[in-house]
């Protein structure tokens, strides 16, 4: 786990690396996850959010949370939360990007959906690409991936597939999220 986590230690979001669209989505999520409205998200609030989304957290998630808590106050402010979201997004992106090109293509999307037991037609996969591909090159780079998924507080393959299937953001306040087969 330590080697995998070290891969993401370099990652710190800056104003240039986070689009306005992503930052706006993350601010909305932050307000929803910050249950006690103290402008900090503590580990228990992340856990409650994930529980509602039927997601499991692990030791690596906790290590990322602690890494992002720069001031060691036990909670993430908005800037630290941006880092947390983007490190999690980068982990998922890298898991899908099997050829390490820095871009996701239709074959990689098809492969990850198949891994999850979800069959989609080429037309549906092309629709996913079209929805996410901001520059029109037929591939999804990390910025485009972030812009699309920044409203998912703790992205994993299941929540990613759910958003692709239903095309909407996930309501972290909702009691039920469509369940998908375990990864």
N, C-alpha and C. Protein backbone atom coordinates (compact mmCIF):
# COMPACT_ATOMS: atom_id res chain seq x y z
N UNK A 1 0.83 -1.19 0.00
CA UNK A 1 0.00 0.00 0.00
C UNK A 1 0.88 1.26 0.00
N UNK A 2 1.96 1.25 0.75
CA UNK A 2 2.80 2.43 0.88
C UNK A 2 3.36 2.87 -0.47
N UNK A 3 3.79 1.91 -1.29
CA UNK A 3 4.34 2.25 -2.62
C UNK A 3 3.26 2.88 -3.48
N UNK A 4 2.07 2.30 -3.48
CA UNK A 4 0.96 2.83 -4.27
C UNK A 4 0.62 4.25 -3.82
N UNK A 5 0.58 4.46 -2.50
CA UNK A 5 0.22 5.78 -1.98
C UNK A 5 1.29 6.81 -2.33
N UNK A 6 2.57 6.43 -2.23
CA UNK A 6 3.64 7.38 -2.53
C UNK A 6 3.52 7.94 -3.94
N UNK A 7 2.95 7.16 -4.84
CA UNK A 7 2.77 7.61 -6.23
C UNK A 7 1.95 8.90 -6.29
N UNK A 8 1.08 9.11 -5.31
CA UNK A 8 0.19 10.27 -5.33
C UNK A 8 0.62 11.38 -4.39
N UNK A 9 1.69 11.19 -3.64
CA UNK A 9 2.12 12.21 -2.69
C UNK A 9 2.51 13.52 -3.37
N UNK A 10 2.98 13.43 -4.62
CA UNK A 10 3.38 14.63 -5.34
C UNK A 10 2.20 15.55 -5.60
N UNK A 11 1.02 14.99 -5.61
CA UNK A 11 -0.13 15.69 -6.13
C UNK A 11 -0.64 16.73 -5.15
N UNK A 12 -0.61 17.96 -5.54
CA UNK A 12 -1.21 19.07 -4.81
C UNK A 12 -1.93 19.92 -5.83
N UNK A 13 -3.18 20.15 -5.59
CA UNK A 13 -3.96 20.96 -6.53
C UNK A 13 -3.55 22.42 -6.43
N UNK A 14 -3.47 23.05 -7.57
CA UNK A 14 -3.20 24.49 -7.61
C UNK A 14 -4.31 25.13 -8.40
N UNK A 15 -4.37 26.44 -8.34
CA UNK A 15 -5.41 27.15 -9.09
C UNK A 15 -5.36 26.78 -10.57
N UNK A 16 -4.15 26.58 -11.12
CA UNK A 16 -4.04 26.27 -12.55
C UNK A 16 -4.52 24.86 -12.87
N UNK A 17 -4.33 23.90 -11.94
CA UNK A 17 -4.63 22.51 -12.26
C UNK A 17 -6.09 22.15 -12.03
N UNK A 18 -6.84 23.01 -11.37
CA UNK A 18 -8.24 22.73 -11.08
C UNK A 18 -9.09 23.74 -11.85
N UNK A 19 -9.91 23.23 -12.74
CA UNK A 19 -10.75 24.13 -13.53
C UNK A 19 -11.81 24.78 -12.66
N UNK A 20 -12.35 25.88 -13.13
CA UNK A 20 -13.44 26.54 -12.41
C UNK A 20 -14.63 25.62 -12.25
N UNK A 21 -14.92 24.82 -13.28
CA UNK A 21 -16.04 23.89 -13.22
C UNK A 21 -15.82 22.87 -12.09
N UNK A 22 -14.61 22.30 -12.02
CA UNK A 22 -14.31 21.34 -10.96
C UNK A 22 -14.40 21.99 -9.59
N UNK A 23 -13.81 23.17 -9.45
CA UNK A 23 -13.81 23.86 -8.16
C UNK A 23 -15.25 24.16 -7.71
N UNK A 24 -16.12 24.57 -8.63
CA UNK A 24 -17.51 24.85 -8.30
C UNK A 24 -18.21 23.57 -7.81
N UNK A 25 -18.02 22.47 -8.53
CA UNK A 25 -18.63 21.19 -8.13
C UNK A 25 -18.13 20.75 -6.76
N UNK A 26 -16.83 20.89 -6.53
CA UNK A 26 -16.25 20.46 -5.26
C UNK A 26 -16.78 21.31 -4.12
N UNK A 27 -16.96 22.60 -4.35
CA UNK A 27 -17.52 23.46 -3.29
C UNK A 27 -18.93 23.01 -2.91
N UNK A 28 -19.73 22.64 -3.90
CA UNK A 28 -21.09 22.14 -3.62
C UNK A 28 -21.03 20.85 -2.82
N UNK A 29 -20.15 19.94 -3.21
CA UNK A 29 -20.01 18.68 -2.48
C UNK A 29 -19.53 18.95 -1.06
N UNK A 30 -18.56 19.86 -0.94
CA UNK A 30 -18.02 20.19 0.38
C UNK A 30 -19.14 20.61 1.33
N UNK A 31 -20.03 21.47 0.87
CA UNK A 31 -21.13 21.95 1.71
C UNK A 31 -22.05 20.81 2.12
N UNK A 32 -22.26 19.84 1.22
CA UNK A 32 -23.13 18.71 1.54
C UNK A 32 -22.47 17.74 2.52
N UNK A 33 -21.17 17.53 2.37
CA UNK A 33 -20.46 16.58 3.21
C UNK A 33 -20.18 17.16 4.60
N UNK A 34 -20.02 18.47 4.69
CA UNK A 34 -19.74 19.15 5.96
C UNK A 34 -21.01 19.18 6.80
N UNK A 35 -21.32 18.07 7.43
CA UNK A 35 -22.59 17.88 8.14
C UNK A 35 -22.79 18.90 9.26
N UNK A 36 -21.73 19.15 10.04
CA UNK A 36 -21.88 20.07 11.17
C UNK A 36 -21.62 21.53 10.81
N UNK A 37 -21.40 21.79 9.54
CA UNK A 37 -21.28 23.16 9.01
C UNK A 37 -20.18 23.98 9.70
N UNK A 38 -19.03 23.30 10.00
CA UNK A 38 -17.92 24.01 10.63
C UNK A 38 -16.82 24.38 9.64
N UNK A 39 -17.10 24.22 8.36
CA UNK A 39 -16.17 24.52 7.28
C UNK A 39 -14.94 23.63 7.29
N UNK A 40 -15.06 22.48 7.93
CA UNK A 40 -14.04 21.43 7.91
C UNK A 40 -14.76 20.10 7.72
N UNK A 41 -14.16 19.23 6.95
CA UNK A 41 -14.71 17.89 6.80
C UNK A 41 -13.77 16.94 7.53
N UNK A 42 -14.32 16.31 8.59
CA UNK A 42 -13.49 15.36 9.32
C UNK A 42 -13.71 13.96 8.78
N UNK A 43 -12.91 13.03 9.26
CA UNK A 43 -12.95 11.66 8.74
C UNK A 43 -14.33 11.05 8.91
N UNK A 44 -15.00 11.33 10.03
CA UNK A 44 -16.32 10.73 10.25
C UNK A 44 -17.34 11.25 9.23
N UNK A 45 -17.20 12.49 8.80
CA UNK A 45 -18.11 13.02 7.78
C UNK A 45 -17.86 12.35 6.43
N UNK A 46 -16.58 12.10 6.12
CA UNK A 46 -16.26 11.36 4.89
C UNK A 46 -16.86 9.95 4.97
N UNK A 47 -16.72 9.31 6.12
CA UNK A 47 -17.25 7.96 6.30
C UNK A 47 -18.77 7.94 6.13
N UNK A 48 -19.47 8.91 6.71
CA UNK A 48 -20.93 8.96 6.60
C UNK A 48 -21.35 9.17 5.15
N UNK A 49 -20.64 10.03 4.45
CA UNK A 49 -20.92 10.27 3.04
C UNK A 49 -20.76 8.98 2.25
N UNK A 50 -19.66 8.29 2.48
CA UNK A 50 -19.39 7.05 1.74
C UNK A 50 -20.41 5.97 2.08
N UNK A 51 -20.82 5.94 3.33
CA UNK A 51 -21.84 4.98 3.74
C UNK A 51 -23.12 5.20 2.96
N UNK A 52 -23.52 6.47 2.80
CA UNK A 52 -24.73 6.79 2.03
C UNK A 52 -24.58 6.39 0.56
N UNK A 53 -23.35 6.47 0.06
CA UNK A 53 -23.09 6.09 -1.33
C UNK A 53 -22.77 4.60 -1.47
N UNK A 54 -22.89 3.87 -0.37
CA UNK A 54 -22.61 2.44 -0.34
C UNK A 54 -21.19 2.14 -0.80
N UNK A 55 -20.26 2.95 -0.32
CA UNK A 55 -18.85 2.80 -0.67
C UNK A 55 -18.05 2.46 0.57
N UNK A 56 -17.03 1.65 0.38
CA UNK A 56 -16.16 1.29 1.49
C UNK A 56 -14.86 2.07 1.38
N UNK A 57 -14.39 2.52 2.53
CA UNK A 57 -13.10 3.19 2.61
C UNK A 57 -12.08 2.21 3.16
N UNK A 58 -10.81 2.44 2.83
CA UNK A 58 -9.77 1.56 3.32
C UNK A 58 -8.63 2.38 3.94
N UNK A 59 -7.58 1.69 4.35
CA UNK A 59 -6.44 2.36 5.00
C UNK A 59 -5.80 3.39 4.07
N UNK A 60 -5.75 3.09 2.80
CA UNK A 60 -5.15 4.05 1.86
C UNK A 60 -5.98 5.33 1.79
N UNK A 61 -7.30 5.19 1.83
CA UNK A 61 -8.16 6.38 1.84
C UNK A 61 -7.87 7.23 3.07
N UNK A 62 -7.71 6.58 4.21
CA UNK A 62 -7.41 7.31 5.44
C UNK A 62 -6.04 7.99 5.33
N UNK A 63 -5.07 7.30 4.74
CA UNK A 63 -3.73 7.88 4.57
C UNK A 63 -3.79 9.11 3.66
N UNK A 64 -4.61 9.04 2.61
CA UNK A 64 -4.76 10.19 1.71
C UNK A 64 -5.42 11.35 2.46
N UNK A 65 -6.45 11.04 3.25
CA UNK A 65 -7.11 12.07 4.06
C UNK A 65 -6.09 12.76 4.97
N UNK A 66 -5.30 11.95 5.69
CA UNK A 66 -4.31 12.50 6.61
C UNK A 66 -3.25 13.31 5.86
N UNK A 67 -2.84 12.83 4.69
CA UNK A 67 -1.86 13.56 3.87
C UNK A 67 -2.40 14.93 3.45
N UNK A 68 -3.67 14.99 3.14
CA UNK A 68 -4.26 16.25 2.67
C UNK A 68 -4.54 17.23 3.81
N UNK A 69 -4.59 16.74 5.04
CA UNK A 69 -4.82 17.59 6.21
C UNK A 69 -3.50 18.28 6.57
N UNK A 70 -3.15 19.28 5.77
CA UNK A 70 -1.86 19.97 5.87
C UNK A 70 -1.61 20.54 7.26
N UNK A 71 -2.63 21.15 7.85
CA UNK A 71 -2.45 21.80 9.16
C UNK A 71 -2.69 20.86 10.34
N UNK A 72 -2.94 19.59 10.05
CA UNK A 72 -3.10 18.55 11.08
C UNK A 72 -4.15 18.91 12.14
N UNK A 73 -5.25 19.49 11.69
CA UNK A 73 -6.31 19.84 12.63
C UNK A 73 -7.43 18.79 12.67
N UNK A 74 -7.23 17.69 11.96
CA UNK A 74 -8.22 16.61 11.98
C UNK A 74 -9.33 16.76 10.97
N UNK A 75 -9.29 17.82 10.17
CA UNK A 75 -10.33 18.05 9.16
C UNK A 75 -9.75 18.70 7.93
N UNK A 76 -10.49 18.60 6.85
CA UNK A 76 -10.07 19.20 5.58
C UNK A 76 -10.86 20.47 5.33
N UNK A 77 -10.14 21.57 5.10
CA UNK A 77 -10.82 22.78 4.65
C UNK A 77 -11.06 22.64 3.15
N UNK A 78 -11.60 23.62 2.52
CA UNK A 78 -11.98 23.49 1.10
C UNK A 78 -10.77 23.19 0.22
N UNK A 79 -9.65 23.86 0.44
CA UNK A 79 -8.47 23.61 -0.39
C UNK A 79 -7.91 22.21 -0.17
N UNK A 80 -7.89 21.76 1.07
CA UNK A 80 -7.42 20.41 1.37
C UNK A 80 -8.38 19.38 0.79
N UNK A 81 -9.68 19.69 0.81
CA UNK A 81 -10.68 18.79 0.23
C UNK A 81 -10.51 18.68 -1.28
N UNK A 82 -10.17 19.79 -1.93
CA UNK A 82 -9.88 19.75 -3.37
C UNK A 82 -8.74 18.77 -3.64
N UNK A 83 -7.68 18.85 -2.83
CA UNK A 83 -6.57 17.90 -2.98
C UNK A 83 -7.04 16.47 -2.79
N UNK A 84 -7.84 16.23 -1.75
CA UNK A 84 -8.35 14.90 -1.46
C UNK A 84 -9.13 14.34 -2.65
N UNK A 85 -10.04 15.15 -3.17
CA UNK A 85 -10.85 14.71 -4.32
C UNK A 85 -9.95 14.41 -5.52
N UNK A 86 -9.01 15.28 -5.81
CA UNK A 86 -8.17 15.08 -7.00
C UNK A 86 -7.19 13.92 -6.86
N UNK A 87 -6.70 13.65 -5.68
CA UNK A 87 -5.86 12.46 -5.50
C UNK A 87 -6.70 11.21 -5.73
N UNK A 88 -7.91 11.19 -5.20
CA UNK A 88 -8.79 10.03 -5.41
C UNK A 88 -9.12 9.90 -6.90
N UNK A 89 -9.41 11.01 -7.56
CA UNK A 89 -9.70 10.95 -9.00
C UNK A 89 -8.49 10.42 -9.77
N UNK A 90 -7.31 10.86 -9.40
CA UNK A 90 -6.10 10.41 -10.08
C UNK A 90 -5.90 8.90 -9.91
N UNK A 91 -6.18 8.39 -8.73
CA UNK A 91 -6.07 6.94 -8.51
C UNK A 91 -6.99 6.17 -9.45
N UNK A 92 -8.24 6.60 -9.55
CA UNK A 92 -9.20 5.91 -10.42
C UNK A 92 -8.79 6.07 -11.88
N UNK A 93 -8.42 7.29 -12.26
CA UNK A 93 -7.99 7.54 -13.64
C UNK A 93 -6.84 6.61 -14.02
N UNK A 94 -5.84 6.52 -13.16
CA UNK A 94 -4.68 5.67 -13.45
C UNK A 94 -5.05 4.20 -13.52
N UNK A 95 -6.04 3.78 -12.74
CA UNK A 95 -6.48 2.39 -12.79
C UNK A 95 -7.13 2.06 -14.14
N UNK A 96 -7.83 3.02 -14.70
CA UNK A 96 -8.50 2.82 -15.99
C UNK A 96 -7.51 2.96 -17.15
N UNK A 97 -6.54 3.85 -17.01
CA UNK A 97 -5.56 4.14 -18.07
C UNK A 97 -4.50 3.03 -18.13
N UNK A 98 -4.91 1.89 -18.64
CA UNK A 98 -4.04 0.71 -18.62
C UNK A 98 -2.82 0.82 -19.52
N UNK A 99 -2.88 1.67 -20.54
CA UNK A 99 -1.71 1.83 -21.42
C UNK A 99 -0.81 2.99 -20.97
N UNK A 100 -1.17 3.62 -19.84
CA UNK A 100 -0.38 4.72 -19.25
C UNK A 100 -0.13 5.87 -20.23
N UNK A 101 -1.10 6.14 -21.09
CA UNK A 101 -0.97 7.21 -22.08
C UNK A 101 -1.33 8.58 -21.51
N UNK A 102 -1.98 8.60 -20.36
CA UNK A 102 -2.46 9.86 -19.81
C UNK A 102 -3.81 10.26 -20.37
N UNK A 103 -4.39 9.38 -21.17
CA UNK A 103 -5.72 9.61 -21.75
C UNK A 103 -6.50 8.30 -21.74
N UNK A 104 -7.80 8.42 -21.61
CA UNK A 104 -8.67 7.25 -21.65
C UNK A 104 -9.33 7.18 -23.02
N UNK A 105 -9.30 5.99 -23.60
CA UNK A 105 -9.96 5.81 -24.90
C UNK A 105 -11.14 4.87 -24.74
N UNK A 106 -11.85 4.62 -25.83
CA UNK A 106 -13.05 3.80 -25.77
C UNK A 106 -12.77 2.38 -25.30
N UNK A 107 -11.63 1.82 -25.66
CA UNK A 107 -11.29 0.45 -25.25
C UNK A 107 -11.06 0.37 -23.75
N UNK A 108 -10.43 1.38 -23.17
CA UNK A 108 -10.20 1.38 -21.72
C UNK A 108 -11.52 1.55 -20.96
N UNK A 109 -12.40 2.38 -21.49
CA UNK A 109 -13.72 2.54 -20.86
C UNK A 109 -14.50 1.23 -20.95
N UNK A 110 -14.48 0.63 -22.11
CA UNK A 110 -15.18 -0.65 -22.30
C UNK A 110 -14.61 -1.70 -21.35
N UNK A 111 -13.29 -1.76 -21.19
CA UNK A 111 -12.65 -2.76 -20.34
C UNK A 111 -13.03 -2.57 -18.87
N UNK A 112 -13.05 -1.33 -18.39
CA UNK A 112 -13.38 -1.12 -16.98
C UNK A 112 -14.85 -1.44 -16.72
N UNK A 113 -15.72 -1.11 -17.65
CA UNK A 113 -17.13 -1.45 -17.48
C UNK A 113 -17.32 -2.97 -17.49
N UNK A 114 -16.61 -3.65 -18.36
CA UNK A 114 -16.68 -5.11 -18.42
C UNK A 114 -16.19 -5.72 -17.10
N UNK A 115 -15.13 -5.15 -16.56
CA UNK A 115 -14.59 -5.60 -15.27
C UNK A 115 -15.65 -5.50 -14.18
N UNK A 116 -16.52 -4.51 -14.29
CA UNK A 116 -17.59 -4.30 -13.33
C UNK A 116 -18.85 -5.09 -13.66
N UNK A 117 -18.79 -5.86 -14.75
CA UNK A 117 -19.95 -6.65 -15.15
C UNK A 117 -21.00 -5.86 -15.89
N UNK A 118 -20.61 -4.75 -16.49
CA UNK A 118 -21.54 -3.88 -17.21
C UNK A 118 -21.22 -3.93 -18.69
N UNK A 119 -22.18 -4.32 -19.47
CA UNK A 119 -22.02 -4.34 -20.92
C UNK A 119 -22.69 -3.11 -21.51
N UNK A 120 -21.96 -2.39 -22.33
CA UNK A 120 -22.51 -1.24 -23.03
C UNK A 120 -22.16 -1.37 -24.51
N UNK A 121 -23.03 -0.85 -25.33
CA UNK A 121 -22.77 -0.86 -26.76
C UNK A 121 -21.69 0.16 -27.09
N UNK A 122 -21.11 0.02 -28.27
CA UNK A 122 -20.11 1.00 -28.70
C UNK A 122 -20.74 2.38 -28.79
N UNK A 123 -21.99 2.44 -29.18
CA UNK A 123 -22.69 3.72 -29.26
C UNK A 123 -22.78 4.39 -27.88
N UNK A 124 -23.09 3.60 -26.84
CA UNK A 124 -23.16 4.14 -25.49
C UNK A 124 -21.79 4.62 -25.01
N UNK A 125 -20.77 3.83 -25.31
CA UNK A 125 -19.41 4.21 -24.92
C UNK A 125 -18.98 5.48 -25.65
N UNK A 126 -19.33 5.59 -26.92
CA UNK A 126 -19.05 6.82 -27.67
C UNK A 126 -19.77 8.01 -27.04
N UNK A 127 -20.98 7.76 -26.52
CA UNK A 127 -21.73 8.82 -25.84
C UNK A 127 -21.02 9.29 -24.57
N UNK A 128 -20.43 8.35 -23.83
CA UNK A 128 -19.65 8.70 -22.64
C UNK A 128 -18.48 9.57 -23.05
N UNK A 129 -17.76 9.13 -24.07
CA UNK A 129 -16.62 9.91 -24.56
C UNK A 129 -17.04 11.31 -24.97
N UNK A 130 -18.14 11.39 -25.71
CA UNK A 130 -18.61 12.70 -26.18
C UNK A 130 -18.97 13.61 -25.01
N UNK A 131 -19.61 13.06 -23.98
CA UNK A 131 -19.99 13.86 -22.80
C UNK A 131 -18.79 14.40 -22.06
N UNK A 132 -17.70 13.65 -22.05
CA UNK A 132 -16.54 14.02 -21.25
C UNK A 132 -15.45 14.74 -22.04
N UNK A 133 -15.40 14.51 -23.34
CA UNK A 133 -14.30 15.00 -24.19
C UNK A 133 -14.50 16.46 -24.55
N UNK A 134 -13.88 17.34 -23.77
CA UNK A 134 -14.05 18.78 -23.97
C UNK A 134 -13.31 19.32 -25.18
N UNK A 135 -12.17 18.70 -25.54
CA UNK A 135 -11.38 19.24 -26.65
C UNK A 135 -11.65 18.52 -27.98
N UNK A 136 -12.53 17.51 -27.96
CA UNK A 136 -12.94 16.85 -29.19
C UNK A 136 -11.92 15.91 -29.81
N UNK A 137 -10.90 15.47 -29.06
CA UNK A 137 -9.89 14.59 -29.64
C UNK A 137 -10.24 13.11 -29.54
N UNK A 138 -11.42 12.80 -28.98
CA UNK A 138 -11.85 11.41 -28.89
C UNK A 138 -11.28 10.65 -27.71
N UNK A 139 -10.58 11.36 -26.82
CA UNK A 139 -10.00 10.74 -25.63
C UNK A 139 -10.24 11.64 -24.43
N UNK A 140 -10.14 11.06 -23.25
CA UNK A 140 -10.38 11.79 -22.01
C UNK A 140 -9.06 11.96 -21.27
N UNK A 141 -8.62 13.21 -21.11
CA UNK A 141 -7.41 13.43 -20.31
C UNK A 141 -7.84 13.65 -18.86
N UNK A 142 -6.86 13.80 -17.98
CA UNK A 142 -7.16 13.90 -16.55
C UNK A 142 -8.00 15.13 -16.22
N UNK A 143 -7.75 16.25 -16.86
CA UNK A 143 -8.53 17.46 -16.60
C UNK A 143 -10.01 17.22 -16.95
N UNK A 144 -10.25 16.61 -18.11
CA UNK A 144 -11.62 16.32 -18.52
C UNK A 144 -12.28 15.34 -17.55
N UNK A 145 -11.52 14.36 -17.12
CA UNK A 145 -12.01 13.38 -16.15
C UNK A 145 -12.40 14.09 -14.85
N UNK A 146 -11.54 14.99 -14.38
CA UNK A 146 -11.83 15.75 -13.16
C UNK A 146 -13.06 16.63 -13.33
N UNK A 147 -13.17 17.30 -14.45
CA UNK A 147 -14.33 18.17 -14.68
C UNK A 147 -15.62 17.37 -14.60
N UNK A 148 -15.61 16.15 -15.10
CA UNK A 148 -16.81 15.32 -15.12
C UNK A 148 -17.12 14.72 -13.75
N UNK A 149 -16.09 14.31 -13.01
CA UNK A 149 -16.31 13.56 -11.77
C UNK A 149 -16.06 14.34 -10.49
N UNK A 150 -15.79 15.61 -10.54
CA UNK A 150 -15.47 16.37 -9.33
C UNK A 150 -16.62 16.46 -8.34
N UNK A 151 -17.83 16.12 -8.75
CA UNK A 151 -18.95 16.18 -7.81
C UNK A 151 -19.16 14.87 -7.07
N UNK A 152 -18.25 13.91 -7.26
CA UNK A 152 -18.33 12.64 -6.57
C UNK A 152 -17.24 12.65 -5.49
N UNK A 153 -17.62 12.75 -4.22
CA UNK A 153 -16.64 12.99 -3.16
C UNK A 153 -15.58 11.92 -2.99
N UNK A 154 -15.91 10.69 -3.22
CA UNK A 154 -14.93 9.62 -3.04
C UNK A 154 -15.10 8.62 -4.17
N UNK A 155 -14.67 9.01 -5.32
CA UNK A 155 -14.87 8.22 -6.52
C UNK A 155 -14.18 6.87 -6.43
N UNK A 156 -14.90 5.84 -6.83
CA UNK A 156 -14.33 4.53 -7.08
C UNK A 156 -14.94 4.03 -8.39
N UNK A 157 -14.56 2.84 -8.80
CA UNK A 157 -15.04 2.35 -10.09
C UNK A 157 -16.57 2.21 -10.13
N UNK A 158 -17.18 1.79 -9.03
CA UNK A 158 -18.64 1.62 -9.03
C UNK A 158 -19.37 2.96 -9.19
N UNK A 159 -18.94 3.98 -8.45
CA UNK A 159 -19.63 5.27 -8.58
C UNK A 159 -19.35 5.90 -9.93
N UNK A 160 -18.17 5.66 -10.47
CA UNK A 160 -17.84 6.16 -11.80
C UNK A 160 -18.78 5.53 -12.84
N UNK A 161 -18.93 4.22 -12.75
CA UNK A 161 -19.81 3.53 -13.70
C UNK A 161 -21.25 3.99 -13.55
N UNK A 162 -21.69 4.22 -12.32
CA UNK A 162 -23.04 4.69 -12.09
C UNK A 162 -23.26 6.05 -12.75
N UNK A 163 -22.31 6.93 -12.61
CA UNK A 163 -22.44 8.26 -13.23
C UNK A 163 -22.43 8.13 -14.75
N UNK A 164 -21.59 7.24 -15.28
CA UNK A 164 -21.57 7.03 -16.73
C UNK A 164 -22.91 6.47 -17.20
N UNK A 165 -23.46 5.54 -16.44
CA UNK A 165 -24.71 4.89 -16.85
C UNK A 165 -25.89 5.85 -16.79
N UNK A 166 -25.92 6.67 -15.74
CA UNK A 166 -27.09 7.51 -15.52
C UNK A 166 -26.85 8.97 -15.88
N UNK A 167 -25.60 9.34 -16.11
CA UNK A 167 -25.28 10.67 -16.61
C UNK A 167 -25.53 11.81 -15.66
N UNK A 168 -25.72 11.54 -14.41
CA UNK A 168 -26.01 12.58 -13.44
C UNK A 168 -25.02 12.50 -12.30
N UNK A 169 -24.90 13.61 -11.57
CA UNK A 169 -24.09 13.61 -10.36
C UNK A 169 -24.77 12.77 -9.30
N UNK A 170 -24.02 12.29 -8.38
CA UNK A 170 -24.57 11.51 -7.29
C UNK A 170 -24.94 12.44 -6.16
N UNK A 171 -26.10 12.26 -5.59
CA UNK A 171 -26.56 13.08 -4.48
C UNK A 171 -26.01 12.48 -3.19
N UNK A 172 -25.01 13.15 -2.60
CA UNK A 172 -24.41 12.61 -1.39
C UNK A 172 -25.36 12.68 -0.21
N UNK A 173 -26.47 13.35 -0.37
CA UNK A 173 -27.48 13.39 0.67
C UNK A 173 -28.55 12.32 0.47
N UNK A 174 -28.50 11.63 -0.64
CA UNK A 174 -29.51 10.62 -0.95
C UNK A 174 -29.28 9.36 -0.12
N UNK A 175 -30.35 8.66 0.16
CA UNK A 175 -30.24 7.42 0.92
C UNK A 175 -29.91 6.24 0.04
N UNK A 176 -30.21 6.33 -1.24
CA UNK A 176 -30.00 5.18 -2.12
C UNK A 176 -29.29 5.63 -3.38
N UNK A 177 -28.28 4.87 -3.74
CA UNK A 177 -27.57 5.07 -4.99
C UNK A 177 -27.68 3.75 -5.72
N UNK A 178 -27.92 3.74 -7.03
CA UNK A 178 -28.03 2.48 -7.74
C UNK A 178 -26.84 1.59 -7.44
N UNK A 179 -27.12 0.34 -7.06
CA UNK A 179 -26.01 -0.53 -6.72
C UNK A 179 -25.49 -1.24 -7.96
N UNK A 180 -24.19 -1.42 -7.94
CA UNK A 180 -23.49 -2.09 -9.04
C UNK A 180 -22.74 -3.26 -8.46
N UNK A 181 -22.37 -4.23 -9.28
CA UNK A 181 -21.59 -5.35 -8.76
C UNK A 181 -20.28 -4.88 -8.16
N UNK A 182 -19.79 -5.57 -7.12
CA UNK A 182 -18.51 -5.16 -6.51
C UNK A 182 -17.36 -5.28 -7.49
N UNK A 183 -16.37 -4.39 -7.32
CA UNK A 183 -15.19 -4.40 -8.20
C UNK A 183 -14.27 -5.52 -7.83
